[in-house]
Amino acid sequence: MGIKDRSTEAQERERTLIVTQERACVEYAESYGMLVEECIRDTASGFTLDRPGIERVRQLLRQGVVDVVVAYAVDRLSREQNQTGVLFYEVEQAGARLEFVTEKSEDDPTGRFILRTRAYIAEVEREKIAERTMRGKLERARAGKLPQGTGKGCY
């Protein structure tokens, strides 16, 4: 019986998650008769707008070549409510629509409020994950184990 690298397992789960989310977005778009011109994915944290994928989306919006941006969920777009607000604004300024596979809402003040509330919840969840992760790393260090838990050394 071999030993599996937990970080490799986590990376594989993440790749699978991204692929299934992308497939759901394409199926959503096609089910509404949309023509999918480009699939853009990010693997970087949703905590920042400094990501190649989201920058590509913003570039296409500025060029005015996007009618609809489909994302799997609000927290896949961003996990920081102010950045989500910026993205909502940029989509609106481009005359485009933002639609989510898992979250239906009307394009009216109430619907936008609900989406912004979900963005706030995503930010709070990101902060909780960060706190739990740091607490776990600290406990591993106290127990004499490597804090990152990958079996590799710290440098």
Protein backbone atom coordinates (compact mmCIF):
# COMPACT_ATOMS: atom_id res chain seq x y z
CA MET A 1 0.00 0.00 0.00
CA GLY A 2 1.47 3.32 -1.08
CA ILE A 3 1.34 6.66 0.67
CA LYS A 4 -0.60 9.33 -1.18
CA ASP A 5 0.48 12.93 -1.10
CA ARG A 6 -2.46 14.80 0.42
CA SER A 7 -1.59 17.98 -1.46
CA THR A 8 -1.74 16.08 -4.76
CA GLU A 9 -5.14 14.65 -3.78
CA ALA A 10 -6.38 18.15 -2.92
CA GLN A 11 -5.11 19.52 -6.23
CA GLU A 12 -6.87 16.71 -8.13
CA ARG A 13 -10.14 17.42 -6.28
CA GLU A 14 -9.76 21.12 -7.13
CA ARG A 15 -9.18 20.35 -10.83
CA THR A 16 -12.23 18.09 -10.87
CA LEU A 17 -14.29 20.78 -9.15
CA ILE A 18 -13.24 23.38 -11.71
CA VAL A 19 -14.03 21.07 -14.63
CA THR A 20 -17.50 20.25 -13.27
CA GLN A 21 -18.25 23.91 -12.62
CA GLU A 22 -17.17 24.85 -16.12
CA ARG A 23 -19.32 22.08 -17.60
CA ALA A 24 -22.32 23.29 -15.57
CA CYS A 25 -21.80 26.84 -16.88
CA VAL A 26 -21.63 25.66 -20.50
CA GLU A 27 -24.74 23.49 -20.06
CA TYR A 28 -26.56 26.40 -18.40
CA ALA A 29 -25.67 28.76 -21.24
CA GLU A 30 -26.64 26.27 -23.93
CA SER A 31 -29.93 25.45 -22.18
CA TYR A 32 -30.86 29.14 -22.54
CA GLY A 33 -29.80 29.24 -26.18
CA MET A 34 -26.57 31.16 -25.59
CA LEU A 35 -23.57 30.65 -27.82
CA VAL A 36 -20.50 30.04 -25.68
CA GLU A 37 -17.64 31.97 -27.24
CA GLU A 38 -15.00 31.40 -24.59
CA CYS A 39 -14.59 29.49 -21.34
CA ILE A 40 -12.38 31.27 -18.87
CA ARG A 41 -11.19 29.67 -15.67
CA ASP A 42 -9.14 30.79 -12.72
CA THR A 43 -7.35 28.61 -10.22
CA ALA A 44 -6.14 31.51 -8.08
CA SER A 45 -7.95 32.63 -4.94
CA GLY A 46 -11.22 34.49 -5.38
CA PHE A 47 -9.96 36.95 -2.79
CA THR A 48 -8.26 39.10 -5.40
CA LEU A 49 -9.14 40.58 -8.78
CA ASP A 50 -5.50 40.10 -9.79
CA ARG A 51 -6.23 36.81 -11.58
CA PRO A 52 -5.67 36.05 -15.26
CA GLY A 53 -9.18 34.69 -15.81
CA ILE A 54 -11.14 37.51 -14.21
CA GLU A 55 -8.85 40.04 -15.92
CA ARG A 56 -9.72 38.42 -19.26
CA VAL A 57 -13.45 38.74 -18.48
CA ARG A 58 -12.98 42.40 -17.55
CA GLN A 59 -11.02 42.99 -20.77
CA LEU A 60 -13.82 41.48 -22.87
CA LEU A 61 -16.37 43.62 -21.03
CA ARG A 62 -14.34 46.78 -21.73
CA GLN A 63 -14.16 45.80 -25.39
CA GLY A 64 -17.94 45.45 -25.44
CA VAL A 65 -17.87 41.95 -26.95
CA VAL A 66 -19.73 40.19 -24.11
CA ASP A 67 -23.50 39.99 -23.76
CA VAL A 68 -23.64 37.58 -20.83
CA VAL A 69 -21.11 36.40 -18.27
CA VAL A 70 -22.06 33.06 -16.74
CA ALA A 71 -20.42 32.06 -13.47
CA TYR A 72 -21.13 28.98 -11.40
CA ALA A 73 -21.87 30.93 -8.19
CA VAL A 74 -21.22 34.36 -6.69
CA ASP A 75 -18.39 33.02 -4.55
CA ARG A 76 -16.68 31.60 -7.65
CA LEU A 77 -16.58 35.10 -9.12
CA SER A 78 -15.08 36.67 -6.01
CA ARG A 79 -14.93 36.09 -2.28
CA GLU A 80 -14.62 39.78 -1.45
CA GLN A 81 -17.83 41.79 -1.50
CA ASN A 82 -16.32 45.08 -2.68
CA GLN A 83 -14.66 43.36 -5.61
CA THR A 84 -17.94 41.62 -6.43
CA GLY A 85 -19.56 45.05 -6.46
CA VAL A 86 -16.89 46.31 -8.88
CA LEU A 87 -17.53 43.34 -11.18
CA PHE A 88 -21.31 43.86 -11.03
CA TYR A 89 -20.75 47.52 -11.95
CA GLU A 90 -18.41 46.70 -14.84
CA VAL A 91 -20.87 44.17 -16.25
CA GLU A 92 -23.67 46.75 -16.03
CA GLN A 93 -21.54 49.48 -17.64
CA ALA A 94 -20.74 47.12 -20.53
CA GLY A 95 -24.45 46.58 -21.12
CA ALA A 96 -24.03 42.89 -20.33
CA ARG A 97 -25.75 40.52 -17.90
CA LEU A 98 -24.25 38.42 -15.15
CA GLU A 99 -25.92 35.07 -14.55
CA PHE A 100 -25.15 32.32 -12.07
CA VAL A 101 -25.81 28.61 -12.49
CA THR A 102 -26.64 28.00 -8.83
CA GLU A 103 -28.22 31.32 -7.90
CA LYS A 104 -31.21 32.72 -9.69
CA SER A 105 -32.18 36.32 -9.08
CA GLU A 106 -34.09 39.03 -10.82
CA ASP A 107 -32.28 41.98 -12.35
CA ASP A 108 -33.98 44.48 -10.09
CA PRO A 109 -32.98 46.18 -6.82
CA THR A 110 -34.13 43.23 -4.70
CA GLY A 111 -32.32 40.68 -6.86
CA ARG A 112 -29.13 42.73 -6.83
CA PHE A 113 -29.40 43.09 -3.04
CA ILE A 114 -29.68 39.31 -2.69
CA LEU A 115 -26.59 38.78 -4.87
CA ARG A 116 -24.62 41.35 -2.88
CA THR A 117 -25.70 39.64 0.35
CA ARG A 118 -24.41 36.34 -1.04
CA ALA A 119 -21.12 38.07 -1.88
CA TYR A 120 -20.90 39.24 1.74
CA ILE A 121 -21.57 35.69 2.96
CA ALA A 122 -18.81 34.38 0.65
CA GLU A 123 -16.37 36.90 2.15
CA VAL A 124 -17.28 35.87 5.70
CA GLU A 125 -16.85 32.19 4.77
CA ARG A 126 -13.41 32.92 3.25
CA GLU A 127 -12.35 34.59 6.50
CA LYS A 128 -13.59 31.60 8.52
CA ILE A 129 -11.67 29.19 6.29
CA ALA A 130 -8.50 31.27 6.69
CA GLU A 131 -8.89 31.34 10.48
CA ARG A 132 -9.51 27.59 10.69
CA THR A 133 -6.54 26.87 8.43
CA MET A 134 -4.19 29.03 10.51
CA ARG A 135 -5.49 27.47 13.74
CA GLY A 136 -4.86 23.99 12.29
CA LYS A 137 -1.34 24.91 11.16
CA LEU A 138 -0.54 26.35 14.58
CA GLU A 139 -1.76 23.19 16.30
CA ARG A 140 0.31 21.01 13.94
CA ALA A 141 3.38 23.10 14.77
CA ARG A 142 2.69 22.77 18.51
CA ALA A 143 2.48 18.99 18.03
CA GLY A 144 5.92 19.01 16.36
CA LYS A 145 4.53 18.37 12.88
CA LEU A 146 5.07 20.36 9.74
CA PRO A 147 2.55 23.22 9.73
CA GLN A 148 1.52 22.99 6.09
CA GLY A 149 0.80 19.28 6.41
CA THR A 150 2.23 18.32 3.01
CA GLY A 151 5.18 16.28 4.25
CA LYS A 152 7.60 18.77 2.68
CA GLY A 153 10.01 20.94 4.60
CA CYS A 154 9.49 24.57 5.54
CA TYR A 155 11.83 27.13 4.04
